[in-house]
């Protein structure tokens, strides 16, 4: 790996985001499943998902929609991050986020990490750790009061497969300073850092 840098998505060409997402499952999703929820997302054409992501990363306001990691000048990683209400799938009645909690769901000062993507050829080099730390730094610098992540835990001592790990793993968030605040299901954690 060359020199690793990270930049908010609102400061890079949208083509760089698309280079990271590629033609994989991430390219099909366009980081919209967490935004739209399963019902709307499932039936929406990929091109419309892509246009929605372009609007997110090119919009006004403090949230850039995500962060892109570069190996020298090559885009190699992505993390979707922004105000928690942006991510309807988490924001709604999901047990992943709300089990045992009674705080204001509409509080857009709390940001959330929705997913990570690392391009093939750049995986296994710790980029998700770098992206998680970048999400903490960006959230703090753009006025968030807290950042949450919703990682998945391996099943019965096994391994988390790559597609499952798109939401992150507890060790990635812990390394960036987030702490577990709840375990709403056997395989999910809610992790948070307050600023």
N, C-alpha and C. Protein backbone atom coordinates (compact mmCIF):
# COMPACT_ATOMS: atom_id res chain seq x y z
N UNK A 1 0.84 -1.18 0.00
CA UNK A 1 0.00 0.00 0.00
C UNK A 1 0.88 1.23 0.00
N UNK A 2 0.43 2.23 -0.76
CA UNK A 2 1.15 3.50 -0.80
C UNK A 2 0.74 4.38 0.36
N UNK A 3 0.53 5.66 0.07
CA UNK A 3 0.12 6.62 1.10
C UNK A 3 -1.41 6.61 1.18
N UNK A 4 -1.94 6.33 2.37
CA UNK A 4 -3.38 6.29 2.57
C UNK A 4 -3.87 7.66 3.02
N UNK A 5 -4.90 8.15 2.34
CA UNK A 5 -5.57 9.39 2.74
C UNK A 5 -7.06 9.14 2.72
N UNK A 6 -7.80 9.94 3.48
CA UNK A 6 -9.26 9.87 3.48
C UNK A 6 -9.80 11.26 3.24
N UNK A 7 -10.91 11.31 2.49
CA UNK A 7 -11.53 12.60 2.19
C UNK A 7 -13.04 12.46 2.24
N UNK A 8 -13.74 13.47 2.75
CA UNK A 8 -15.20 13.45 2.72
C UNK A 8 -15.69 13.34 1.28
N UNK A 9 -16.78 12.61 1.09
CA UNK A 9 -17.29 12.36 -0.26
C UNK A 9 -17.74 13.64 -0.95
N UNK A 10 -18.09 14.68 -0.20
CA UNK A 10 -18.50 15.93 -0.84
C UNK A 10 -17.32 16.73 -1.35
N UNK A 11 -16.10 16.21 -1.17
CA UNK A 11 -14.90 16.88 -1.65
C UNK A 11 -14.19 16.09 -2.75
N UNK A 12 -14.81 15.02 -3.23
CA UNK A 12 -14.19 14.20 -4.28
C UNK A 12 -15.19 14.00 -5.42
N UNK A 13 -14.71 13.70 -6.63
CA UNK A 13 -15.64 13.41 -7.72
C UNK A 13 -16.49 12.18 -7.39
N UNK A 14 -17.76 12.22 -7.78
CA UNK A 14 -18.66 11.10 -7.52
C UNK A 14 -18.15 9.83 -8.20
N UNK A 15 -17.42 9.97 -9.28
CA UNK A 15 -16.83 8.80 -9.95
C UNK A 15 -15.90 8.03 -9.02
N UNK A 16 -15.25 8.73 -8.07
CA UNK A 16 -14.38 8.03 -7.11
C UNK A 16 -15.20 7.13 -6.19
N UNK A 17 -16.37 7.60 -5.78
CA UNK A 17 -17.26 6.77 -4.96
C UNK A 17 -17.67 5.55 -5.77
N UNK A 18 -18.04 5.77 -7.02
CA UNK A 18 -18.48 4.67 -7.88
C UNK A 18 -17.35 3.67 -8.16
N UNK A 19 -16.13 4.14 -8.24
CA UNK A 19 -14.99 3.24 -8.42
C UNK A 19 -14.89 2.28 -7.25
N UNK A 20 -15.09 2.78 -6.04
CA UNK A 20 -15.04 1.91 -4.86
C UNK A 20 -16.21 0.92 -4.86
N UNK A 21 -17.40 1.41 -5.13
CA UNK A 21 -18.58 0.54 -5.08
C UNK A 21 -18.55 -0.50 -6.18
N UNK A 22 -18.06 -0.13 -7.35
CA UNK A 22 -17.89 -1.08 -8.44
C UNK A 22 -19.17 -1.75 -8.87
N UNK A 23 -19.02 -2.97 -9.39
CA UNK A 23 -20.17 -3.74 -9.89
C UNK A 23 -20.58 -4.84 -8.92
N UNK A 24 -20.03 -4.81 -7.75
CA UNK A 24 -20.32 -5.83 -6.73
C UNK A 24 -21.69 -5.57 -6.10
N UNK A 25 -21.98 -6.29 -5.03
CA UNK A 25 -23.22 -6.06 -4.29
C UNK A 25 -23.31 -4.61 -3.81
N UNK A 26 -22.17 -4.03 -3.44
CA UNK A 26 -22.16 -2.63 -3.01
C UNK A 26 -22.58 -1.71 -4.16
N UNK A 27 -22.14 -2.01 -5.36
CA UNK A 27 -22.53 -1.23 -6.52
C UNK A 27 -24.01 -1.35 -6.83
N UNK A 28 -24.58 -2.50 -6.54
CA UNK A 28 -26.02 -2.69 -6.72
C UNK A 28 -26.80 -1.94 -5.64
N UNK A 29 -26.27 -1.94 -4.44
CA UNK A 29 -26.96 -1.30 -3.30
C UNK A 29 -26.87 0.22 -3.36
N UNK A 30 -25.69 0.73 -3.73
CA UNK A 30 -25.44 2.17 -3.75
C UNK A 30 -25.69 2.80 -2.37
N UNK A 31 -25.44 2.02 -1.32
CA UNK A 31 -25.61 2.48 0.06
C UNK A 31 -26.99 3.09 0.30
N UNK A 32 -28.00 2.49 -0.32
CA UNK A 32 -29.36 2.99 -0.17
C UNK A 32 -30.26 2.08 0.65
N UNK A 33 -29.86 0.86 0.89
CA UNK A 33 -30.74 -0.04 1.66
C UNK A 33 -30.98 0.51 3.06
N UNK A 34 -29.94 1.00 3.70
CA UNK A 34 -30.09 1.55 5.04
C UNK A 34 -30.84 2.89 5.01
N UNK A 35 -30.72 3.61 3.89
CA UNK A 35 -31.40 4.90 3.75
C UNK A 35 -32.90 4.70 3.52
N UNK A 36 -33.25 3.79 2.62
CA UNK A 36 -34.63 3.63 2.18
C UNK A 36 -35.43 2.61 2.98
N UNK A 37 -34.76 1.64 3.56
CA UNK A 37 -35.46 0.51 4.14
C UNK A 37 -35.70 -0.54 3.07
N UNK A 38 -35.95 -1.75 3.49
CA UNK A 38 -36.05 -2.86 2.54
C UNK A 38 -37.16 -2.70 1.51
N UNK A 39 -38.33 -2.24 1.93
CA UNK A 39 -39.47 -2.17 1.03
C UNK A 39 -39.21 -1.31 -0.19
N UNK A 40 -38.81 -0.07 0.01
CA UNK A 40 -38.52 0.83 -1.11
C UNK A 40 -37.28 0.39 -1.87
N UNK A 41 -36.25 0.00 -1.16
CA UNK A 41 -34.97 -0.33 -1.78
C UNK A 41 -35.09 -1.51 -2.73
N UNK A 42 -35.80 -2.54 -2.31
CA UNK A 42 -35.84 -3.79 -3.05
C UNK A 42 -36.29 -3.60 -4.49
N UNK A 43 -37.30 -2.77 -4.71
CA UNK A 43 -37.90 -2.61 -6.03
C UNK A 43 -37.35 -1.42 -6.82
N UNK A 44 -36.41 -0.70 -6.26
CA UNK A 44 -35.88 0.49 -6.92
C UNK A 44 -34.74 0.10 -7.88
N UNK A 45 -34.77 0.60 -9.11
CA UNK A 45 -33.68 0.32 -10.05
C UNK A 45 -32.34 0.86 -9.54
N UNK A 46 -31.28 0.18 -9.90
CA UNK A 46 -29.93 0.57 -9.45
C UNK A 46 -29.62 2.01 -9.87
N UNK A 47 -30.02 2.40 -11.06
CA UNK A 47 -29.72 3.76 -11.53
C UNK A 47 -30.37 4.81 -10.62
N UNK A 48 -31.57 4.54 -10.15
CA UNK A 48 -32.21 5.49 -9.23
C UNK A 48 -31.49 5.51 -7.88
N UNK A 49 -31.05 4.34 -7.42
CA UNK A 49 -30.25 4.29 -6.19
C UNK A 49 -28.99 5.12 -6.35
N UNK A 50 -28.34 4.99 -7.51
CA UNK A 50 -27.11 5.74 -7.79
C UNK A 50 -27.38 7.25 -7.76
N UNK A 51 -28.49 7.67 -8.36
CA UNK A 51 -28.82 9.10 -8.36
C UNK A 51 -29.08 9.59 -6.94
N UNK A 52 -29.72 8.78 -6.12
CA UNK A 52 -29.98 9.17 -4.73
C UNK A 52 -28.67 9.32 -3.95
N UNK A 53 -27.74 8.39 -4.18
CA UNK A 53 -26.44 8.51 -3.51
C UNK A 53 -25.71 9.76 -3.99
N UNK A 54 -25.78 10.05 -5.28
CA UNK A 54 -25.14 11.27 -5.81
C UNK A 54 -25.71 12.51 -5.13
N UNK A 55 -27.02 12.53 -4.91
CA UNK A 55 -27.65 13.65 -4.21
C UNK A 55 -27.16 13.74 -2.77
N UNK A 56 -27.01 12.59 -2.11
CA UNK A 56 -26.54 12.58 -0.72
C UNK A 56 -25.14 13.15 -0.61
N UNK A 57 -24.24 12.72 -1.47
CA UNK A 57 -22.85 13.17 -1.33
C UNK A 57 -22.63 14.54 -1.92
N UNK A 58 -23.56 15.03 -2.72
CA UNK A 58 -23.40 16.35 -3.30
C UNK A 58 -24.31 17.39 -2.70
N UNK A 59 -25.01 17.02 -1.63
CA UNK A 59 -25.99 17.92 -1.02
C UNK A 59 -25.37 18.98 -0.14
N UNK A 60 -26.21 19.90 0.27
CA UNK A 60 -25.79 20.95 1.20
C UNK A 60 -25.85 20.41 2.62
N UNK A 61 -25.25 21.12 3.52
CA UNK A 61 -25.30 20.72 4.92
C UNK A 61 -23.99 20.11 5.38
N UNK A 62 -23.93 19.78 6.66
CA UNK A 62 -22.67 19.33 7.24
C UNK A 62 -22.29 17.89 6.88
N UNK A 63 -23.25 17.07 6.48
CA UNK A 63 -22.96 15.65 6.26
C UNK A 63 -22.60 15.40 4.80
N UNK A 64 -21.44 14.79 4.56
CA UNK A 64 -21.01 14.52 3.19
C UNK A 64 -21.56 13.22 2.62
N UNK A 65 -22.31 12.46 3.41
CA UNK A 65 -22.82 11.18 2.95
C UNK A 65 -21.86 10.03 3.12
N UNK A 66 -20.58 10.34 3.20
CA UNK A 66 -19.59 9.28 3.36
C UNK A 66 -18.17 9.81 3.24
N UNK A 67 -17.25 8.86 3.32
CA UNK A 67 -15.82 9.17 3.25
C UNK A 67 -15.19 8.19 2.28
N UNK A 68 -14.27 8.69 1.45
CA UNK A 68 -13.56 7.85 0.50
C UNK A 68 -12.10 7.76 0.94
N UNK A 69 -11.56 6.53 0.94
CA UNK A 69 -10.14 6.30 1.25
C UNK A 69 -9.39 6.13 -0.07
N UNK A 70 -8.19 6.68 -0.11
CA UNK A 70 -7.35 6.61 -1.30
C UNK A 70 -6.01 5.96 -0.96
N UNK A 71 -5.57 5.07 -1.81
CA UNK A 71 -4.22 4.51 -1.76
C UNK A 71 -3.46 5.27 -2.83
N UNK A 72 -2.59 6.20 -2.40
CA UNK A 72 -2.04 7.22 -3.29
C UNK A 72 -3.23 7.95 -3.91
N UNK A 73 -3.43 7.89 -5.21
CA UNK A 73 -4.56 8.58 -5.84
C UNK A 73 -5.70 7.65 -6.22
N UNK A 74 -5.59 6.37 -5.88
CA UNK A 74 -6.57 5.37 -6.27
C UNK A 74 -7.64 5.20 -5.19
N UNK A 75 -8.94 5.43 -5.50
CA UNK A 75 -9.99 5.23 -4.50
C UNK A 75 -10.13 3.74 -4.17
N UNK A 76 -10.02 3.41 -2.88
CA UNK A 76 -10.03 1.99 -2.48
C UNK A 76 -11.04 1.65 -1.39
N UNK A 77 -11.61 2.66 -0.70
CA UNK A 77 -12.52 2.36 0.39
C UNK A 77 -13.58 3.43 0.56
N UNK A 78 -14.66 3.03 1.21
CA UNK A 78 -15.81 3.92 1.42
C UNK A 78 -16.45 3.58 2.75
N UNK A 79 -16.90 4.59 3.46
CA UNK A 79 -17.76 4.39 4.62
C UNK A 79 -18.91 5.39 4.50
N UNK A 80 -20.14 4.89 4.62
CA UNK A 80 -21.32 5.74 4.63
C UNK A 80 -21.53 6.24 6.05
N UNK A 81 -21.59 7.55 6.23
CA UNK A 81 -21.75 8.13 7.56
C UNK A 81 -22.53 9.44 7.43
N UNK A 82 -23.44 9.64 8.37
CA UNK A 82 -24.22 10.87 8.38
C UNK A 82 -25.20 10.86 9.53
N UNK A 83 -26.07 11.86 9.60
CA UNK A 83 -27.05 11.91 10.69
C UNK A 83 -27.88 10.63 10.75
N UNK A 84 -28.05 10.12 11.95
CA UNK A 84 -28.76 8.85 12.14
C UNK A 84 -30.13 8.80 11.46
N UNK A 85 -30.95 9.88 11.47
CA UNK A 85 -32.25 9.80 10.80
C UNK A 85 -32.16 9.58 9.28
N UNK A 86 -30.99 9.80 8.70
CA UNK A 86 -30.80 9.53 7.27
C UNK A 86 -31.03 8.05 6.96
N UNK A 87 -30.69 7.19 7.91
CA UNK A 87 -30.71 5.75 7.68
C UNK A 87 -32.00 5.15 8.23
N UNK A 88 -33.04 5.25 7.41
CA UNK A 88 -34.39 4.84 7.80
C UNK A 88 -34.43 3.42 8.35
N UNK A 89 -33.64 2.54 7.78
CA UNK A 89 -33.67 1.14 8.23
C UNK A 89 -33.24 1.03 9.70
N UNK A 90 -32.32 1.89 10.13
CA UNK A 90 -31.91 1.92 11.53
C UNK A 90 -32.79 2.86 12.35
N UNK A 91 -33.22 3.92 11.72
CA UNK A 91 -33.96 4.98 12.39
C UNK A 91 -35.36 4.52 12.79
N UNK A 92 -35.96 3.64 12.01
CA UNK A 92 -37.32 3.18 12.28
C UNK A 92 -37.41 2.35 13.55
N UNK A 93 -38.20 1.35 13.52
CA UNK A 93 -38.45 0.54 14.71
C UNK A 93 -37.51 -0.65 14.82
N UNK A 94 -36.41 -0.59 14.15
CA UNK A 94 -35.47 -1.71 14.12
C UNK A 94 -34.97 -2.08 15.52
N UNK A 95 -35.05 -3.36 15.88
CA UNK A 95 -34.50 -3.77 17.17
C UNK A 95 -32.99 -3.60 17.23
N UNK A 96 -32.36 -3.51 16.07
CA UNK A 96 -30.90 -3.33 16.03
C UNK A 96 -30.50 -2.06 16.75
N UNK A 97 -31.31 -1.02 16.63
CA UNK A 97 -30.95 0.27 17.22
C UNK A 97 -31.74 0.57 18.49
N UNK A 98 -33.00 0.22 18.54
CA UNK A 98 -33.88 0.80 19.55
C UNK A 98 -34.24 -0.08 20.73
N UNK A 99 -33.84 -1.31 20.76
CA UNK A 99 -34.18 -2.18 21.87
C UNK A 99 -33.71 -1.57 23.19
N UNK A 100 -34.65 -1.28 24.08
CA UNK A 100 -34.31 -0.76 25.40
C UNK A 100 -33.91 0.70 25.43
N UNK A 101 -34.12 1.43 24.34
CA UNK A 101 -33.72 2.84 24.30
C UNK A 101 -34.95 3.72 24.16
N UNK A 102 -34.88 4.90 24.77
CA UNK A 102 -36.02 5.80 24.67
C UNK A 102 -35.62 7.21 24.25
N UNK A 103 -34.46 7.36 23.64
CA UNK A 103 -34.01 8.69 23.23
C UNK A 103 -34.74 9.15 21.96
N UNK A 104 -34.59 10.40 21.62
CA UNK A 104 -35.25 11.01 20.47
C UNK A 104 -34.67 10.43 19.17
N UNK A 105 -35.49 9.69 18.45
CA UNK A 105 -35.06 9.07 17.20
C UNK A 105 -34.77 10.09 16.12
N UNK A 106 -35.34 11.27 16.23
CA UNK A 106 -35.18 12.30 15.21
C UNK A 106 -33.99 13.22 15.47
N UNK A 107 -33.20 12.92 16.48
CA UNK A 107 -32.05 13.76 16.83
C UNK A 107 -30.98 13.62 15.75
N UNK A 108 -30.91 14.60 14.84
CA UNK A 108 -29.95 14.50 13.75
C UNK A 108 -28.54 14.95 14.14
N UNK A 109 -28.36 15.28 15.43
CA UNK A 109 -27.00 15.56 15.88
C UNK A 109 -26.24 14.27 16.20
N UNK A 110 -26.97 13.15 16.29
CA UNK A 110 -26.34 11.84 16.45
C UNK A 110 -26.14 11.27 15.04
N UNK A 111 -24.90 10.96 14.72
CA UNK A 111 -24.58 10.41 13.41
C UNK A 111 -24.41 8.90 13.51
N UNK A 112 -24.48 8.24 12.36
CA UNK A 112 -24.36 6.79 12.31
C UNK A 112 -23.50 6.35 11.14
N UNK A 113 -22.81 5.24 11.34
CA UNK A 113 -22.09 4.57 10.26
C UNK A 113 -23.01 3.48 9.73
N UNK A 114 -23.29 3.54 8.43
CA UNK A 114 -24.22 2.57 7.83
C UNK A 114 -23.49 1.38 7.21
N UNK A 115 -22.37 1.62 6.52
CA UNK A 115 -21.68 0.49 5.88
C UNK A 115 -20.27 0.87 5.46
N UNK A 116 -19.47 -0.15 5.28
CA UNK A 116 -18.10 -0.04 4.79
C UNK A 116 -17.98 -0.81 3.48
N UNK A 117 -17.15 -0.31 2.58
CA UNK A 117 -16.82 -1.04 1.35
C UNK A 117 -15.32 -0.86 1.12
N UNK A 118 -14.64 -1.98 0.89
CA UNK A 118 -13.22 -1.94 0.51
C UNK A 118 -13.09 -2.74 -0.77
N UNK A 119 -12.45 -2.14 -1.76
CA UNK A 119 -12.32 -2.80 -3.06
C UNK A 119 -11.47 -4.06 -2.96
N UNK A 120 -11.83 -5.04 -3.78
CA UNK A 120 -11.02 -6.26 -3.90
C UNK A 120 -9.60 -5.84 -4.25
N UNK A 121 -8.64 -6.52 -3.68
CA UNK A 121 -7.23 -6.16 -3.88
C UNK A 121 -6.70 -5.26 -2.78
N UNK A 122 -7.61 -4.61 -2.05
CA UNK A 122 -7.19 -3.74 -0.94
C UNK A 122 -7.71 -4.24 0.39
N UNK A 123 -8.41 -5.36 0.38
CA UNK A 123 -8.96 -5.92 1.63
C UNK A 123 -7.86 -6.58 2.44
N UNK A 124 -8.12 -6.72 3.73
CA UNK A 124 -7.18 -7.39 4.62
C UNK A 124 -6.00 -6.52 5.03
N UNK A 125 -6.09 -5.22 4.79
CA UNK A 125 -5.00 -4.31 5.13
C UNK A 125 -5.38 -3.29 6.20
N UNK A 126 -6.52 -3.53 6.83
CA UNK A 126 -6.93 -2.65 7.93
C UNK A 126 -7.66 -1.39 7.51
N UNK A 127 -8.14 -1.32 6.28
CA UNK A 127 -8.80 -0.10 5.82
C UNK A 127 -10.09 0.20 6.58
N UNK A 128 -10.83 -0.82 6.99
CA UNK A 128 -12.05 -0.51 7.74
C UNK A 128 -11.73 0.18 9.06
N UNK A 129 -10.60 -0.16 9.65
CA UNK A 129 -10.18 0.53 10.88
C UNK A 129 -9.91 2.01 10.58
N UNK A 130 -9.22 2.28 9.49
CA UNK A 130 -8.93 3.66 9.09
C UNK A 130 -10.22 4.42 8.78
N UNK A 131 -11.14 3.75 8.09
CA UNK A 131 -12.40 4.40 7.74
C UNK A 131 -13.25 4.67 8.98
N UNK A 132 -13.26 3.76 9.94
CA UNK A 132 -14.02 3.99 11.18
C UNK A 132 -13.46 5.19 11.94
N UNK A 133 -12.14 5.28 12.03
CA UNK A 133 -11.53 6.43 12.70
C UNK A 133 -11.84 7.72 11.95
N UNK A 134 -11.82 7.66 10.63
CA UNK A 134 -12.15 8.83 9.82
C UNK A 134 -13.60 9.26 10.06
N UNK A 135 -14.51 8.28 10.23
CA UNK A 135 -15.91 8.59 10.51
C UNK A 135 -16.05 9.31 11.85
N UNK A 136 -15.31 8.86 12.85
CA UNK A 136 -15.31 9.53 14.16
C UNK A 136 -14.81 10.96 14.01
N UNK A 137 -13.68 11.12 13.35
CA UNK A 137 -13.07 12.45 13.20
C UNK A 137 -13.98 13.40 12.43
N UNK A 138 -14.55 12.91 11.34
CA UNK A 138 -15.43 13.76 10.53
C UNK A 138 -16.69 14.14 11.29
N UNK A 139 -17.32 13.18 11.95
CA UNK A 139 -18.54 13.46 12.71
C UNK A 139 -18.28 14.53 13.75
N UNK A 140 -17.20 14.36 14.47
CA UNK A 140 -16.84 15.34 15.51
C UNK A 140 -16.61 16.71 14.89
N UNK A 141 -15.85 16.77 13.78
CA UNK A 141 -15.49 18.05 13.19
C UNK A 141 -16.68 18.76 12.53
N UNK A 142 -17.69 17.99 12.17
CA UNK A 142 -18.85 18.60 11.51
C UNK A 142 -20.03 18.79 12.46
N UNK A 143 -19.77 18.72 13.77
CA UNK A 143 -20.77 19.13 14.75
C UNK A 143 -21.67 18.05 15.33
N UNK A 144 -21.41 16.78 15.04
CA UNK A 144 -22.23 15.72 15.64
C UNK A 144 -21.99 15.68 17.15
N UNK A 145 -23.00 15.28 17.89
CA UNK A 145 -22.84 15.13 19.34
C UNK A 145 -22.43 13.71 19.72
N UNK A 146 -22.64 12.77 18.80
CA UNK A 146 -22.27 11.37 19.03
C UNK A 146 -22.22 10.66 17.68
N UNK A 147 -21.57 9.51 17.67
CA UNK A 147 -21.53 8.65 16.49
C UNK A 147 -21.86 7.23 16.94
N UNK A 148 -22.74 6.56 16.18
CA UNK A 148 -23.08 5.18 16.48
C UNK A 148 -22.70 4.27 15.32
N UNK A 149 -22.44 3.01 15.67
CA UNK A 149 -22.24 1.95 14.70
C UNK A 149 -23.04 0.74 15.14
N UNK A 150 -23.39 -0.12 14.18
CA UNK A 150 -24.25 -1.27 14.46
C UNK A 150 -23.61 -2.54 13.92
N UNK A 151 -22.48 -2.92 14.51
CA UNK A 151 -21.71 -4.05 13.96
C UNK A 151 -22.35 -5.41 14.19
N UNK A 152 -21.85 -6.37 13.43
CA UNK A 152 -22.30 -7.75 13.52
C UNK A 152 -21.23 -8.59 14.21
N UNK A 153 -21.66 -9.59 14.94
CA UNK A 153 -20.79 -10.48 15.69
C UNK A 153 -20.80 -11.85 15.02
N UNK A 154 -19.68 -12.53 15.03
CA UNK A 154 -19.60 -13.87 14.44
C UNK A 154 -20.57 -14.82 15.13
N UNK A 155 -21.07 -15.76 14.37
CA UNK A 155 -22.00 -16.76 14.89
C UNK A 155 -21.23 -17.88 15.58
N UNK A 156 -21.51 -18.12 16.85
CA UNK A 156 -20.96 -19.25 17.61
C UNK A 156 -19.46 -19.45 17.40
N UNK A 157 -18.69 -18.40 17.54
CA UNK A 157 -17.24 -18.51 17.43
C UNK A 157 -16.72 -18.63 16.02
N UNK A 158 -17.58 -18.54 15.03
CA UNK A 158 -17.15 -18.62 13.64
C UNK A 158 -16.59 -17.30 13.16
N UNK A 159 -16.62 -17.12 11.86
CA UNK A 159 -16.13 -15.88 11.27
C UNK A 159 -17.28 -15.10 10.66
N UNK A 160 -17.12 -13.80 10.62
CA UNK A 160 -18.06 -12.95 9.93
C UNK A 160 -17.65 -12.93 8.47
N UNK A 161 -18.57 -13.27 7.58
CA UNK A 161 -18.24 -13.27 6.16
C UNK A 161 -18.22 -11.85 5.63
N UNK A 162 -17.56 -11.66 4.49
CA UNK A 162 -17.32 -10.31 3.99
C UNK A 162 -18.60 -9.51 3.82
N UNK A 163 -19.63 -10.07 3.20
CA UNK A 163 -20.86 -9.30 2.98
C UNK A 163 -21.51 -8.89 4.30
N UNK A 164 -21.47 -9.76 5.30
CA UNK A 164 -22.02 -9.40 6.61
C UNK A 164 -21.22 -8.27 7.24
N UNK A 165 -19.93 -8.29 7.03
CA UNK A 165 -19.04 -7.31 7.66
C UNK A 165 -19.18 -5.91 7.08
N UNK A 166 -20.04 -5.74 6.08
CA UNK A 166 -20.22 -4.40 5.52
C UNK A 166 -20.73 -3.42 6.58
N UNK A 167 -21.38 -3.90 7.62
CA UNK A 167 -21.84 -3.02 8.70
C UNK A 167 -20.76 -2.82 9.76
N UNK A 168 -19.64 -3.49 9.62
CA UNK A 168 -18.55 -3.38 10.58
C UNK A 168 -18.59 -4.48 11.62
N UNK A 169 -17.51 -4.60 12.34
CA UNK A 169 -17.39 -5.57 13.42
C UNK A 169 -17.06 -4.80 14.70
N UNK A 170 -17.37 -5.38 15.86
CA UNK A 170 -17.12 -4.66 17.12
C UNK A 170 -15.68 -4.19 17.28
N UNK A 171 -14.70 -5.01 16.88
CA UNK A 171 -13.31 -4.60 17.08
C UNK A 171 -12.94 -3.38 16.24
N UNK A 172 -13.55 -3.23 15.07
CA UNK A 172 -13.29 -2.05 14.23
C UNK A 172 -13.77 -0.79 14.94
N UNK A 173 -15.00 -0.83 15.45
CA UNK A 173 -15.54 0.34 16.14
C UNK A 173 -14.83 0.60 17.47
N UNK A 174 -14.50 -0.46 18.19
CA UNK A 174 -13.80 -0.28 19.47
C UNK A 174 -12.45 0.40 19.26
N UNK A 175 -11.75 0.05 18.20
CA UNK A 175 -10.45 0.66 17.92
C UNK A 175 -10.59 2.16 17.65
N UNK A 176 -11.77 2.59 17.20
CA UNK A 176 -12.01 4.01 16.94
C UNK A 176 -12.62 4.72 18.15
N UNK A 177 -12.75 4.00 19.27
CA UNK A 177 -13.21 4.62 20.50
C UNK A 177 -14.68 4.44 20.83
N UNK A 178 -15.43 3.70 20.02
CA UNK A 178 -16.84 3.46 20.33
C UNK A 178 -16.95 2.35 21.36
N UNK A 179 -17.96 2.45 22.22
CA UNK A 179 -18.19 1.45 23.25
C UNK A 179 -19.57 0.84 23.06
N UNK A 180 -19.70 -0.41 23.42
CA UNK A 180 -20.99 -1.11 23.31
C UNK A 180 -21.96 -0.53 24.32
N UNK A 181 -23.14 -0.13 23.83
CA UNK A 181 -24.18 0.36 24.74
C UNK A 181 -25.34 -0.62 24.83
N UNK A 182 -25.46 -1.53 23.86
CA UNK A 182 -26.48 -2.58 23.96
C UNK A 182 -26.16 -3.72 23.01
N UNK A 183 -26.78 -4.85 23.29
CA UNK A 183 -26.66 -6.04 22.44
C UNK A 183 -28.09 -6.52 22.18
N UNK A 184 -28.80 -5.86 21.25
CA UNK A 184 -30.22 -6.14 21.06
C UNK A 184 -30.55 -7.50 20.47
N UNK A 185 -29.60 -8.12 19.79
CA UNK A 185 -29.79 -9.48 19.26
C UNK A 185 -28.49 -10.24 19.51
N UNK A 186 -28.51 -11.56 19.40
CA UNK A 186 -27.28 -12.32 19.64
C UNK A 186 -26.12 -11.92 18.74
N UNK A 187 -26.41 -11.41 17.54
CA UNK A 187 -25.34 -11.10 16.60
C UNK A 187 -25.13 -9.61 16.35
N UNK A 188 -25.91 -8.74 16.98
CA UNK A 188 -25.77 -7.31 16.75
C UNK A 188 -25.40 -6.57 18.01
N UNK A 189 -24.63 -5.51 17.83
CA UNK A 189 -24.28 -4.61 18.92
C UNK A 189 -24.61 -3.20 18.48
N UNK A 190 -24.93 -2.36 19.44
CA UNK A 190 -25.01 -0.93 19.21
C UNK A 190 -23.81 -0.34 19.93
N UNK A 191 -22.98 0.37 19.19
CA UNK A 191 -21.77 0.98 19.76
C UNK A 191 -21.84 2.48 19.53
N UNK A 192 -21.24 3.24 20.46
CA UNK A 192 -21.41 4.69 20.42
C UNK A 192 -20.22 5.39 21.05
N UNK A 193 -19.94 6.57 20.53
CA UNK A 193 -19.00 7.49 21.15
C UNK A 193 -19.68 8.86 21.22
N UNK A 194 -19.65 9.48 22.38
CA UNK A 194 -20.21 10.81 22.57
C UNK A 194 -19.10 11.84 22.48
N UNK A 195 -19.40 12.95 21.88
CA UNK A 195 -18.39 14.02 21.71
C UNK A 195 -18.64 15.15 22.69
